[in-house]
C-alpha atoms as a PDB file:
ATOM      1  CA  UNK A   1      74.205 -62.913 -72.965  1.00  0.00           C
ATOM      2  CA  UNK A   2      74.500 -65.160 -69.960  1.00  0.00           C
ATOM      3  CA  UNK A   3      71.519 -67.047 -68.606  1.00  0.00           C
ATOM      4  CA  UNK A   4      72.020 -65.316 -65.279  1.00  0.00           C
ATOM      5  CA  UNK A   5      71.818 -61.830 -67.045  1.00  0.00           C
ATOM      6  CA  UNK A   6      68.647 -62.839 -68.819  1.00  0.00           C
ATOM      7  CA  UNK A   7      67.164 -64.249 -65.595  1.00  0.00           C
ATOM      8  CA  UNK A   8      67.852 -60.983 -63.792  1.00  0.00           C
ATOM      9  CA  UNK A   9      66.271 -58.919 -66.567  1.00  0.00           C
ATOM     10  CA  UNK A  10      63.194 -61.192 -66.519  1.00  0.00           C
ATOM     11  CA  UNK A  11      62.951 -60.639 -62.705  1.00  0.00           C
ATOM     12  CA  UNK A  12      63.241 -56.971 -63.094  1.00  0.00           C
ATOM     13  CA  UNK A  13      60.707 -56.863 -65.820  1.00  0.00           C
ATOM     14  CA  UNK A  14      58.234 -58.960 -63.671  1.00  0.00           C
ATOM     15  CA  UNK A  15      58.873 -56.580 -60.588  1.00  0.00           C
ATOM     16  CA  UNK A  16      58.229 -53.554 -62.692  1.00  0.00           C
ATOM     17  CA  UNK A  17      55.080 -55.070 -64.159  1.00  0.00           C
ATOM     18  CA  UNK A  18      53.723 -55.850 -60.794  1.00  0.00           C
ATOM     19  CA  UNK A  19      54.581 -52.329 -59.577  1.00  0.00           C
ATOM     20  CA  UNK A  20      52.985 -50.731 -62.724  1.00  0.00           C
ATOM     21  CA  UNK A  21      49.840 -52.804 -62.323  1.00  0.00           C
ATOM     22  CA  UNK A  22      49.701 -51.863 -58.593  1.00  0.00           C
ATOM     23  CA  UNK A  23      49.898 -48.127 -59.260  1.00  0.00           C
ATOM     24  CA  UNK A  24      47.485 -48.211 -62.109  1.00  0.00           C
ATOM     25  CA  UNK A  25      44.841 -50.162 -60.070  1.00  0.00           C
ATOM     26  CA  UNK A  26      45.413 -47.887 -57.071  1.00  0.00           C
ATOM     27  CA  UNK A  27      44.784 -44.857 -59.102  1.00  0.00           C
ATOM     28  CA  UNK A  28      41.728 -46.343 -60.880  1.00  0.00           C
ATOM     29  CA  UNK A  29      40.056 -47.940 -57.727  1.00  0.00           C
ATOM     30  CA  UNK A  30      41.828 -46.455 -54.776  1.00  0.00           C
ATOM     31  CA  UNK A  31      44.411 -47.859 -52.528  1.00  0.00           C
ATOM     32  CA  UNK A  32      41.830 -49.004 -49.914  1.00  0.00           C
ATOM     33  CA  UNK A  33      40.302 -51.211 -52.845  1.00  0.00           C
ATOM     34  CA  UNK A  34      43.573 -52.678 -54.145  1.00  0.00           C
ATOM     35  CA  UNK A  35      44.126 -56.325 -53.532  1.00  0.00           C
ATOM     36  CA  UNK A  36      47.219 -58.581 -54.181  1.00  0.00           C
ATOM     37  CA  UNK A  37      45.100 -60.839 -56.322  1.00  0.00           C
ATOM     38  CA  UNK A  38      44.030 -57.956 -58.501  1.00  0.00           C
ATOM     39  CA  UNK A  39      47.643 -56.900 -58.858  1.00  0.00           C
ATOM     40  CA  UNK A  40      48.762 -60.427 -59.753  1.00  0.00           C
ATOM     41  CA  UNK A  41      45.915 -60.777 -62.255  1.00  0.00           C
ATOM     42  CA  UNK A  42      46.665 -57.530 -63.920  1.00  0.00           C
ATOM     43  CA  UNK A  43      50.327 -58.372 -64.401  1.00  0.00           C
ATOM     44  CA  UNK A  44      49.414 -61.949 -65.424  1.00  0.00           C
ATOM     45  CA  UNK A  45      51.173 -63.756 -62.793  1.00  0.00           C
ATOM     46  CA  UNK A  46      50.010 -65.979 -59.930  1.00  0.00           C
ATOM     47  CA  UNK A  47      49.445 -64.781 -56.303  1.00  0.00           C
ATOM     48  CA  UNK A  48      52.522 -66.887 -55.387  1.00  0.00           C
ATOM     49  CA  UNK A  49      54.697 -65.156 -57.927  1.00  0.00           C
ATOM     50  CA  UNK A  50      53.575 -61.799 -56.622  1.00  0.00           C
ATOM     51  CA  UNK A  51      54.615 -63.016 -53.152  1.00  0.00           C
ATOM     52  CA  UNK A  52      58.140 -63.961 -54.509  1.00  0.00           C
ATOM     53  CA  UNK A  53      58.602 -60.325 -55.492  1.00  0.00           C
ATOM     54  CA  UNK A  54      56.837 -58.197 -52.871  1.00  0.00           C
ATOM     55  CA  UNK A  55      55.585 -59.078 -49.192  1.00  0.00           C
ATOM     56  CA  UNK A  56      52.649 -56.631 -49.578  1.00  0.00           C
ATOM     57  CA  UNK A  57      50.715 -54.622 -51.943  1.00  0.00           C
ATOM     58  CA  UNK A  58      52.145 -51.531 -50.075  1.00  0.00           C
ATOM     59  CA  UNK A  59      55.723 -52.631 -51.001  1.00  0.00           C
ATOM     60  CA  UNK A  60      54.583 -53.147 -54.635  1.00  0.00           C
ATOM     61  CA  UNK A  61      53.347 -49.571 -54.755  1.00  0.00           C
ATOM     62  CA  UNK A  62      56.379 -48.081 -53.337  1.00  0.00           C
ATOM     63  CA  UNK A  63      58.794 -49.953 -55.536  1.00  0.00           C
ATOM     64  CA  UNK A  64      59.507 -46.879 -57.626  1.00  0.00           C
ATOM     65  CA  UNK A  65      60.637 -44.966 -54.519  1.00  0.00           C
ATOM     66  CA  UNK A  66      62.743 -47.785 -53.336  1.00  0.00           C
ATOM     67  CA  UNK A  67      64.466 -48.185 -56.672  1.00  0.00           C
ATOM     68  CA  UNK A  68      65.110 -44.457 -57.122  1.00  0.00           C
ATOM     69  CA  UNK A  69      66.501 -44.218 -53.606  1.00  0.00           C
ATOM     70  CA  UNK A  70      68.750 -47.183 -53.908  1.00  0.00           C
ATOM     71  CA  UNK A  71      70.072 -45.607 -57.060  1.00  0.00           C
ATOM     72  CA  UNK A  72      70.687 -42.395 -55.208  1.00  0.00           C
ATOM     73  CA  UNK A  73      72.812 -44.272 -52.704  1.00  0.00           C
ATOM     74  CA  UNK A  74      74.855 -45.927 -55.536  1.00  0.00           C
ATOM     75  CA  UNK A  75      75.395 -42.590 -57.168  1.00  0.00           C
ATOM     76  CA  UNK A  76      76.583 -41.054 -53.956  1.00  0.00           C
ATOM     77  CA  UNK A  77      79.059 -43.913 -53.410  1.00  0.00           C
ATOM     78  CA  UNK A  78      80.297 -43.466 -57.080  1.00  0.00           C
ATOM     79  CA  UNK A  79      81.221 -39.765 -56.597  1.00  0.00           C
ATOM     80  CA  UNK A  80      84.854 -38.784 -56.459  1.00  0.00           C
ATOM     81  CA  UNK A  81      86.554 -39.846 -53.342  1.00  0.00           C
ATOM     82  CA  UNK A  82      87.599 -36.309 -52.228  1.00  0.00           C
ATOM     83  CA  UNK A  83      84.183 -34.654 -52.770  1.00  0.00           C
ATOM     84  CA  UNK A  84      82.618 -33.077 -49.655  1.00  0.00           C
ATOM     85  CA  UNK A  85      79.424 -34.920 -48.272  1.00  0.00           C
ATOM     86  CA  UNK A  86      77.042 -32.228 -49.338  1.00  0.00           C
ATOM     87  CA  UNK A  87      78.449 -31.820 -52.762  1.00  0.00           C
ATOM     88  CA  UNK A  88      78.288 -35.651 -53.324  1.00  0.00           C
ATOM     89  CA  UNK A  89      74.672 -35.653 -52.330  1.00  0.00           C
ATOM     90  CA  UNK A  90      73.719 -32.808 -54.435  1.00  0.00           C
ATOM     91  CA  UNK A  91      75.493 -34.002 -57.544  1.00  0.00           C
ATOM     92  CA  UNK A  92      74.066 -37.437 -57.087  1.00  0.00           C
ATOM     93  CA  UNK A  93      70.618 -36.116 -56.890  1.00  0.00           C
ATOM     94  CA  UNK A  94      71.071 -34.009 -59.881  1.00  0.00           C
ATOM     95  CA  UNK A  95      72.269 -36.984 -61.828  1.00  0.00           C
ATOM     96  CA  UNK A  96      69.301 -39.128 -60.456  1.00  0.00           C
ATOM     97  CA  UNK A  97      66.836 -36.333 -61.569  1.00  0.00           C
ATOM     98  CA  UNK A  98      68.275 -36.568 -65.118  1.00  0.00           C
ATOM     99  CA  UNK A  99      67.772 -40.169 -65.210  1.00  0.00           C
ATOM    100  CA  UNK A 100      63.929 -40.294 -64.162  1.00  0.00           C
ATOM    101  CA  UNK A 101      61.869 -40.949 -67.199  1.00  0.00           C
ATOM    102  CA  UNK A 102      58.422 -39.971 -65.583  1.00  0.00           C
ATOM    103  CA  UNK A 103      56.645 -37.005 -66.956  1.00  0.00           C
ATOM    104  CA  UNK A 104      55.486 -34.210 -64.487  1.00  0.00           C
ATOM    105  CA  UNK A 105      51.873 -35.600 -64.637  1.00  0.00           C
ATOM    106  CA  UNK A 106      52.810 -39.100 -64.044  1.00  0.00           C
ATOM    107  CA  UNK A 107      54.985 -38.090 -61.214  1.00  0.00           C
ATOM    108  CA  UNK A 108      52.326 -35.842 -59.585  1.00  0.00           C
ATOM    109  CA  UNK A 109      49.697 -38.659 -59.763  1.00  0.00           C
ATOM    110  CA  UNK A 110      52.136 -41.098 -58.208  1.00  0.00           C
ATOM    111  CA  UNK A 111      52.877 -38.713 -55.431  1.00  0.00           C
ATOM    112  CA  UNK A 112      49.270 -37.954 -54.716  1.00  0.00           C
ATOM    113  CA  UNK A 113      48.821 -41.705 -54.422  1.00  0.00           C
ATOM    114  CA  UNK A 114      51.532 -41.918 -51.734  1.00  0.00           C
ATOM    115  CA  UNK A 115      49.549 -39.557 -49.454  1.00  0.00           C
ATOM    116  CA  UNK A 116      47.091 -42.163 -48.714  1.00  0.00           C
ATOM    117  CA  UNK A 117      47.112 -43.166 -44.987  1.00  0.00           C
ATOM    118  CA  UNK A 118      47.209 -46.848 -45.695  1.00  0.00           C
ATOM    119  CA  UNK A 119      50.745 -46.279 -47.069  1.00  0.00           C
ATOM    120  CA  UNK A 120      52.155 -44.323 -44.294  1.00  0.00           C
ATOM    121  CA  UNK A 121      53.690 -47.192 -42.375  1.00  0.00           C
ATOM    122  CA  UNK A 122      55.436 -48.588 -45.404  1.00  0.00           C
ATOM    123  CA  UNK A 123      56.455 -45.147 -46.475  1.00  0.00           C
ATOM    124  CA  UNK A 124      58.160 -44.493 -43.214  1.00  0.00           C
ATOM    125  CA  UNK A 125      59.936 -47.796 -43.391  1.00  0.00           C
ATOM    126  CA  UNK A 126      61.095 -47.131 -46.855  1.00  0.00           C
ATOM    127  CA  UNK A 127      62.543 -43.771 -46.009  1.00  0.00           C
ATOM    128  CA  UNK A 128      64.110 -44.879 -42.571  1.00  0.00           C
ATOM    129  CA  UNK A 129      66.018 -47.609 -44.482  1.00  0.00           C
ATOM    130  CA  UNK A 130      67.118 -45.131 -47.162  1.00  0.00           C
ATOM    131  CA  UNK A 131      68.220 -42.706 -44.514  1.00  0.00           C
ATOM    132  CA  UNK A 132      70.393 -45.402 -42.974  1.00  0.00           C
ATOM    133  CA  UNK A 133      71.960 -46.419 -46.320  1.00  0.00           C
ATOM    134  CA  UNK A 134      72.575 -42.792 -47.315  1.00  0.00           C
ATOM    135  CA  UNK A 135      74.056 -41.934 -44.067  1.00  0.00           C
ATOM    136  CA  UNK A 136      76.433 -45.015 -44.512  1.00  0.00           C
ATOM    137  CA  UNK A 137      77.288 -43.753 -48.117  1.00  0.00           C
ATOM    138  CA  UNK A 138      78.304 -40.088 -46.905  1.00  0.00           C
ATOM    139  CA  UNK A 139      79.926 -41.010 -43.580  1.00  0.00           C
ATOM    140  CA  UNK A 140      83.216 -41.952 -45.262  1.00  0.00           C
ATOM    141  CA  UNK A 141      83.245 -38.317 -46.744  1.00  0.00           C
ATOM    142  CA  UNK A 142      83.375 -36.720 -43.273  1.00  0.00           C
ATOM    143  CA  UNK A 143      86.743 -36.116 -41.406  1.00  0.00           C
ATOM    144  CA  UNK A 144      87.029 -38.917 -38.930  1.00  0.00           C
ATOM    145  CA  UNK A 145      85.810 -38.008 -35.408  1.00  0.00           C
ATOM    146  CA  UNK A 146      83.702 -39.126 -32.614  1.00  0.00           C
ATOM    147  CA  UNK A 147      80.579 -37.414 -34.051  1.00  0.00           C
ATOM    148  CA  UNK A 148      81.052 -38.583 -37.677  1.00  0.00           C
ATOM    149  CA  UNK A 149      78.312 -41.090 -37.626  1.00  0.00           C
ATOM    150  CA  UNK A 150      75.877 -38.694 -36.126  1.00  0.00           C
ATOM    151  CA  UNK A 151      76.794 -36.004 -38.642  1.00  0.00           C
ATOM    152  CA  UNK A 152      76.261 -38.376 -41.615  1.00  0.00           C
ATOM    153  CA  UNK A 153      72.784 -39.516 -40.126  1.00  0.00           C
ATOM    154  CA  UNK A 154      71.648 -35.819 -39.634  1.00  0.00           C
ATOM    155  CA  UNK A 155      72.855 -34.801 -43.041  1.00  0.00           C
ATOM    156  CA  UNK A 156      71.251 -37.748 -44.797  1.00  0.00           C
ATOM    157  CA  UNK A 157      67.850 -37.051 -42.928  1.00  0.00           C
ATOM    158  CA  UNK A 158      67.976 -33.382 -43.820  1.00  0.00           C
ATOM    159  CA  UNK A 159      68.949 -33.982 -47.345  1.00  0.00           C
ATOM    160  CA  UNK A 160      66.017 -36.319 -47.774  1.00  0.00           C
ATOM    161  CA  UNK A 161      63.806 -33.675 -46.430  1.00  0.00           C
ATOM    162  CA  UNK A 162      65.184 -31.254 -48.977  1.00  0.00           C
ATOM    163  CA  UNK A 163      64.585 -33.739 -51.801  1.00  0.00           C
ATOM    164  CA  UNK A 164      61.078 -34.266 -50.706  1.00  0.00           C
ATOM    165  CA  UNK A 165      60.240 -30.432 -50.669  1.00  0.00           C
ATOM    166  CA  UNK A 166      62.231 -29.965 -53.888  1.00  0.00           C
ATOM    167  CA  UNK A 167      60.404 -32.791 -55.574  1.00  0.00           C
ATOM    168  CA  UNK A 168      57.044 -31.186 -54.841  1.00  0.00           C
ATOM    169  CA  UNK A 169      58.345 -27.801 -55.940  1.00  0.00           C
ATOM    170  CA  UNK A 170      59.530 -29.224 -59.106  1.00  0.00           C
ATOM    171  CA  UNK A 171      56.078 -30.706 -59.964  1.00  0.00           C
ATOM    172  CA  UNK A 172      54.328 -27.302 -59.124  1.00  0.00           C
ATOM    173  CA  UNK A 173      56.935 -25.485 -61.365  1.00  0.00           C
ATOM    174  CA  UNK A 174      58.049 -28.044 -64.052  1.00  0.00           C
ATOM    175  CA  UNK A 175      59.693 -25.367 -66.091  1.00  0.00           C
ATOM    176  CA  UNK A 176      62.336 -24.753 -63.351  1.00  0.00           C
ATOM    177  CA  UNK A 177      65.690 -26.745 -63.069  1.00  0.00           C
ATOM    178  CA  UNK A 178      65.540 -29.316 -60.281  1.00  0.00           C
ATOM    179  CA  UNK A 179      69.313 -28.718 -59.666  1.00  0.00           C
ATOM    180  CA  UNK A 180      68.650 -25.045 -58.872  1.00  0.00           C
ATOM    181  CA  UNK A 181      65.974 -26.088 -56.479  1.00  0.00           C
ATOM    182  CA  UNK A 182      68.262 -28.335 -54.689  1.00  0.00           C
ATOM    183  CA  UNK A 183      70.938 -25.641 -54.332  1.00  0.00           C
ATOM    184  CA  UNK A 184      68.466 -23.105 -53.214  1.00  0.00           C
ATOM    185  CA  UNK A 185      66.956 -25.417 -50.668  1.00  0.00           C
ATOM    186  CA  UNK A 186      70.251 -26.290 -49.152  1.00  0.00           C
ATOM    187  CA  UNK A 187      70.980 -23.990 -46.175  1.00  0.00           C
ATOM    188  CA  UNK A 188      74.160 -22.033 -46.600  1.00  0.00           C
ATOM    189  CA  UNK A 189      75.347 -23.448 -43.280  1.00  0.00           C
ATOM    190  CA  UNK A 190      75.602 -26.760 -44.764  1.00  0.00           C
ATOM    191  CA  UNK A 191      78.301 -25.759 -47.107  1.00  0.00           C
ATOM    192  CA  UNK A 192      80.878 -26.058 -44.467  1.00  0.00           C
ATOM    193  CA  UNK A 193      80.183 -29.668 -43.786  1.00  0.00           C
ATOM    194  CA  UNK A 194      83.442 -31.599 -44.701  1.00  0.00           C
END
């Protein structure tokens, strides 16, 4: 194994440890009582190390969302070239759902935590960046035209809304298949997007 590969794995492990500590402390003491110092202490790193990985406690708390959404963009880009935009998004989301190891209870706790008003600004920034990246990933799947970029942006934004609603529905009905939820939540009119 190369030194670069080991170094990257150690960085990923530290980033994950900081995120896990932030989530655990926020659940135990509340988001409003969470401090960078407490997160760093719980992860056994210095305040400076924390700052090397995250610019804020809010960013540390949202690391899971940023990681999952970056993975969604990767999966969309990896879909077969001729696949229609909506199909690529749907298949990528299904694959991502199968990769997520969190239990329904863990996911519910995390989602509840994200409803805290102190996280709103960072949450909006996270999803705005994702929407832009997702639109870029699907834009190449549309027929070229003057409105292609706009169509891709609208589809990305709408699909993220579907995922948000489907995610909540899946938590409320864990025995149901997430892929079925996605397909039920996608309006029939979208099926013509090419």
